[in-house]
C-alpha atoms as a PDB file:
ATOM      1  CA  GLN A   1     -16.048 102.976 103.879  1.00  0.00           C
ATOM      2  CA  VAL A   2     -15.442  99.434 103.837  1.00  0.00           C
ATOM      3  CA  GLN A   3     -14.940  97.353 107.037  1.00  0.00           C
ATOM      4  CA  LEU A   4     -11.908  94.848 106.421  1.00  0.00           C
ATOM      5  CA  VAL A   5     -11.397  91.887 108.502  1.00  0.00           C
ATOM      6  CA  GLU A   6      -8.342  89.554 108.169  1.00  0.00           C
ATOM      7  CA  SER A   7      -7.955  85.726 108.755  1.00  0.00           C
ATOM      8  CA  GLY A   8      -5.441  82.728 108.122  1.00  0.00           C
ATOM      9  CA  GLY A   9      -2.236  84.124 110.346  1.00  0.00           C
ATOM     10  CA  GLY A  10      -0.690  81.618 112.552  1.00  0.00           C
ATOM     11  CA  LEU A  11       2.742  79.872 113.392  1.00  0.00           C
ATOM     12  CA  VAL A  12       4.497  78.038 110.316  1.00  0.00           C
ATOM     13  CA  GLN A  13       7.900  76.623 109.973  1.00  0.00           C
ATOM     14  CA  THR A  14      10.955  77.889 108.096  1.00  0.00           C
ATOM     15  CA  GLY A  15       9.654  77.330 104.074  1.00  0.00           C
ATOM     16  CA  GLY A  16       6.072  76.799 105.031  1.00  0.00           C
ATOM     17  CA  SER A  17       3.400  78.298 103.472  1.00  0.00           C
ATOM     18  CA  LEU A  18       0.306  80.503 104.685  1.00  0.00           C
ATOM     19  CA  ARG A  19      -2.728  81.724 102.987  1.00  0.00           C
ATOM     20  CA  LEU A  20      -4.293  85.106 104.272  1.00  0.00           C
ATOM     21  CA  SER A  21      -7.854  86.283 103.874  1.00  0.00           C
ATOM     22  CA  CYS A  22      -9.712  89.434 104.177  1.00  0.00           C
ATOM     23  CA  THR A  23     -12.767  90.054 103.993  1.00  0.00           C
ATOM     24  CA  ALA A  24     -14.809  93.259 103.489  1.00  0.00           C
ATOM     25  CA  SER A  25     -18.073  94.542 104.034  1.00  0.00           C
ATOM     26  CA  GLY A  26     -20.334  97.995 104.033  1.00  0.00           C
ATOM     27  CA  GLY A  27     -18.781  99.012 100.844  1.00  0.00           C
ATOM     28  CA  THR A  28     -18.501  98.396  97.007  1.00  0.00           C
ATOM     29  CA  PHE A  29     -15.640  96.032  97.049  1.00  0.00           C
ATOM     30  CA  SER A  30     -14.969  96.383  93.589  1.00  0.00           C
ATOM     31  CA  ALA A  31     -14.613  99.999  94.390  1.00  0.00           C
ATOM     32  CA  TYR A  32     -11.013  99.430  95.857  1.00  0.00           C
ATOM     33  CA  LYS A  33      -7.816  98.710  94.958  1.00  0.00           C
ATOM     34  CA  MET A  34      -6.516  96.479  97.978  1.00  0.00           C
ATOM     35  CA  ALA A  35      -3.032  95.623  99.143  1.00  0.00           C
ATOM     36  CA  TRP A  36      -1.723  93.698 102.095  1.00  0.00           C
ATOM     37  CA  PHE A  37       0.867  95.639 104.678  1.00  0.00           C
ATOM     38  CA  ARG A  38       3.226  94.106 107.434  1.00  0.00           C
ATOM     39  CA  GLN A  39       3.998  95.547 110.408  1.00  0.00           C
ATOM     40  CA  ALA A  40       7.060  93.701 112.810  1.00  0.00           C
ATOM     41  CA  PRO A  41       7.483  94.647 116.517  1.00  0.00           C
ATOM     42  CA  GLY A  42       9.117  98.020 116.669  1.00  0.00           C
ATOM     43  CA  LYS A  43       9.386  98.385 113.078  1.00  0.00           C
ATOM     44  CA  GLU A  44       7.109 100.667 110.401  1.00  0.00           C
ATOM     45  CA  ARG A  45       4.293  99.667 108.784  1.00  0.00           C
ATOM     46  CA  MET A  46       5.604  98.119 105.220  1.00  0.00           C
ATOM     47  CA  PHE A  47       4.326  97.261 102.026  1.00  0.00           C
ATOM     48  CA  VAL A  48       3.802  93.676 100.717  1.00  0.00           C
ATOM     49  CA  ALA A  49       1.490  93.502  97.971  1.00  0.00           C
ATOM     50  CA  ALA A  50      -1.468  95.015  96.147  1.00  0.00           C
ATOM     51  CA  ILE A  51      -3.948  94.493  93.277  1.00  0.00           C
ATOM     52  CA  SER A  52      -6.065  96.737  91.504  1.00  0.00           C
ATOM     53  CA  ALA A  53     -10.299  96.926  91.979  1.00  0.00           C
ATOM     54  CA  LEU A  54     -10.568  94.382  89.090  1.00  0.00           C
ATOM     55  CA  GLY A  55      -7.423  92.124  89.962  1.00  0.00           C
ATOM     56  CA  SER A  56      -5.792  92.507  86.662  1.00  0.00           C
ATOM     57  CA  VAL A  57      -2.704  94.644  88.188  1.00  0.00           C
ATOM     58  CA  THR A  58      -0.628  93.103  90.894  1.00  0.00           C
ATOM     59  CA  TYR A  59       2.697  94.959  92.506  1.00  0.00           C
ATOM     60  CA  TYR A  60       4.615  93.602  94.893  1.00  0.00           C
ATOM     61  CA  GLU A  61       7.302  94.698  97.639  1.00  0.00           C
ATOM     62  CA  ASP A  62      10.951  93.067  96.185  1.00  0.00           C
ATOM     63  CA  SER A  63      11.597  90.764  99.244  1.00  0.00           C
ATOM     64  CA  MET A  64       7.718  89.231  98.456  1.00  0.00           C
ATOM     65  CA  LYS A  65       8.298  88.739  94.617  1.00  0.00           C
ATOM     66  CA  GLY A  66       8.300  85.102  93.650  1.00  0.00           C
ATOM     67  CA  ARG A  67       7.145  84.037  97.008  1.00  0.00           C
ATOM     68  CA  SER A  68       3.546  85.735  97.569  1.00  0.00           C
ATOM     69  CA  SER A  69       0.651  85.706  95.389  1.00  0.00           C
ATOM     70  CA  VAL A  70      -1.944  88.358  96.107  1.00  0.00           C
ATOM     71  CA  SER A  71      -5.246  87.516  94.064  1.00  0.00           C
ATOM     72  CA  ARG A  72      -9.499  88.648  95.149  1.00  0.00           C
ATOM     73  CA  ASP A  73     -12.455  87.361  94.228  1.00  0.00           C
ATOM     74  CA  ASN A  74     -15.164  90.096  93.875  1.00  0.00           C
ATOM     75  CA  ALA A  75     -18.067  88.158  94.182  1.00  0.00           C
ATOM     76  CA  LYS A  76     -16.912  87.148  97.666  1.00  0.00           C
ATOM     77  CA  ASN A  77     -15.631  90.626  98.525  1.00  0.00           C
ATOM     78  CA  THR A  78     -12.072  89.033  99.847  1.00  0.00           C
ATOM     79  CA  VAL A  79      -8.834  89.308  98.831  1.00  0.00           C
ATOM     80  CA  TYR A  80      -5.975  86.750  98.979  1.00  0.00           C
ATOM     81  CA  LEU A  81      -2.580  86.723 100.062  1.00  0.00           C
ATOM     82  CA  GLN A  82      -0.757  83.004  99.289  1.00  0.00           C
ATOM     83  CA  MET A  83       2.781  83.294 101.175  1.00  0.00           C
ATOM     84  CA  ASN A  84       5.448  80.672 100.346  1.00  0.00           C
ATOM     85  CA  SER A  85       8.979  79.621 101.318  1.00  0.00           C
ATOM     86  CA  LEU A  86       8.239  81.728 104.405  1.00  0.00           C
ATOM     87  CA  LYS A  87      11.044  82.910 106.829  1.00  0.00           C
ATOM     88  CA  PRO A  88      11.956  83.886 110.006  1.00  0.00           C
ATOM     89  CA  GLU A  89      12.003  87.615 109.262  1.00  0.00           C
ATOM     90  CA  ASP A  90       8.143  87.398 107.482  1.00  0.00           C
ATOM     91  CA  THR A  91       6.939  87.071 111.110  1.00  0.00           C
ATOM     92  CA  ALA A  92       4.716  90.082 111.505  1.00  0.00           C
ATOM     93  CA  VAL A  93       1.117  91.312 111.981  1.00  0.00           C
ATOM     94  CA  TYR A  94      -0.149  91.472 108.303  1.00  0.00           C
ATOM     95  CA  TYR A  95      -2.721  93.971 107.629  1.00  0.00           C
ATOM     96  CA  CYS A  96      -5.153  94.402 104.608  1.00  0.00           C
ATOM     97  CA  ALA A  97      -5.889  98.042 103.288  1.00  0.00           C
ATOM     98  CA  ALA A  98      -8.678  99.317 100.909  1.00  0.00           C
ATOM     99  CA  GLY A  99      -8.008 102.337  98.830  1.00  0.00           C
ATOM    100  CA  PRO A 100      -9.515 104.374  96.079  1.00  0.00           C
ATOM    101  CA  ARG A 101      -9.838 102.467  92.556  1.00  0.00           C
ATOM    102  CA  SER A 102      -8.484 105.768  90.765  1.00  0.00           C
ATOM    103  CA  THR A 103      -5.258 105.671  92.100  1.00  0.00           C
ATOM    104  CA  SER A 104      -2.455 103.191  90.777  1.00  0.00           C
ATOM    105  CA  VAL A 105      -1.420 100.088  92.735  1.00  0.00           C
ATOM    106  CA  THR A 106       2.332 101.221  92.690  1.00  0.00           C
ATOM    107  CA  ARG A 107       0.730 104.332  94.849  1.00  0.00           C
ATOM    108  CA  THR A 108       1.792 102.191  98.214  1.00  0.00           C
ATOM    109  CA  ARG A 109       1.811 104.467 101.057  1.00  0.00           C
ATOM    110  CA  THR A 110       0.431 103.831 104.326  1.00  0.00           C
ATOM    111  CA  THR A 111      -1.536 107.010 103.327  1.00  0.00           C
ATOM    112  CA  ASP A 112      -2.432 106.049 100.168  1.00  0.00           C
ATOM    113  CA  PHE A 113      -5.558 103.779 101.989  1.00  0.00           C
ATOM    114  CA  THR A 114      -8.835 104.945 103.803  1.00  0.00           C
ATOM    115  CA  SER A 115      -9.334 101.369 105.203  1.00  0.00           C
ATOM    116  CA  TRP A 116      -7.400  98.976 107.385  1.00  0.00           C
ATOM    117  CA  GLY A 117      -8.363  95.746 108.681  1.00  0.00           C
ATOM    118  CA  GLN A 118      -7.240  94.675 112.451  1.00  0.00           C
ATOM    119  CA  GLY A 119      -4.594  92.342 111.402  1.00  0.00           C
ATOM    120  CA  THR A 120      -3.461  88.746 111.322  1.00  0.00           C
ATOM    121  CA  GLN A 121      -0.118  87.602 113.065  1.00  0.00           C
ATOM    122  CA  VAL A 122       2.167  85.671 111.107  1.00  0.00           C
ATOM    123  CA  THR A 123       4.839  83.811 113.064  1.00  0.00           C
ATOM    124  CA  VAL A 124       7.465  81.724 111.281  1.00  0.00           C
ATOM    125  CA  SER A 125       9.796  79.762 113.819  1.00  0.00           C
ATOM    126  CA  SER A 126      13.470  78.840 112.304  1.00  0.00           C
END
């Protein structure tokens, strides 16, 4: 299985932007669809965005549509999440995940993904 490491989290003010990165190793990156999830304290891990193995198809959770953009660079084994117009309710630990390329990007349950990163904290101050 591929190993994933996230980076790019931090503290940002309301309305600010962040770009998260997730770099994969130990596998064939283009064999996986990739996704971002987030988990706020005391809450379940929730889907944010997904991208197909070759990057041609993306899918977003409704609250992130228009405020975020997921992309990938298969040559760099990296997936990105650009987040804009951040709100305090976006505060969470953000995780990237890898799942089989054979499944649709619209399959967004946590059990649809086989590898997870350790997470990166995003804090949005009001």
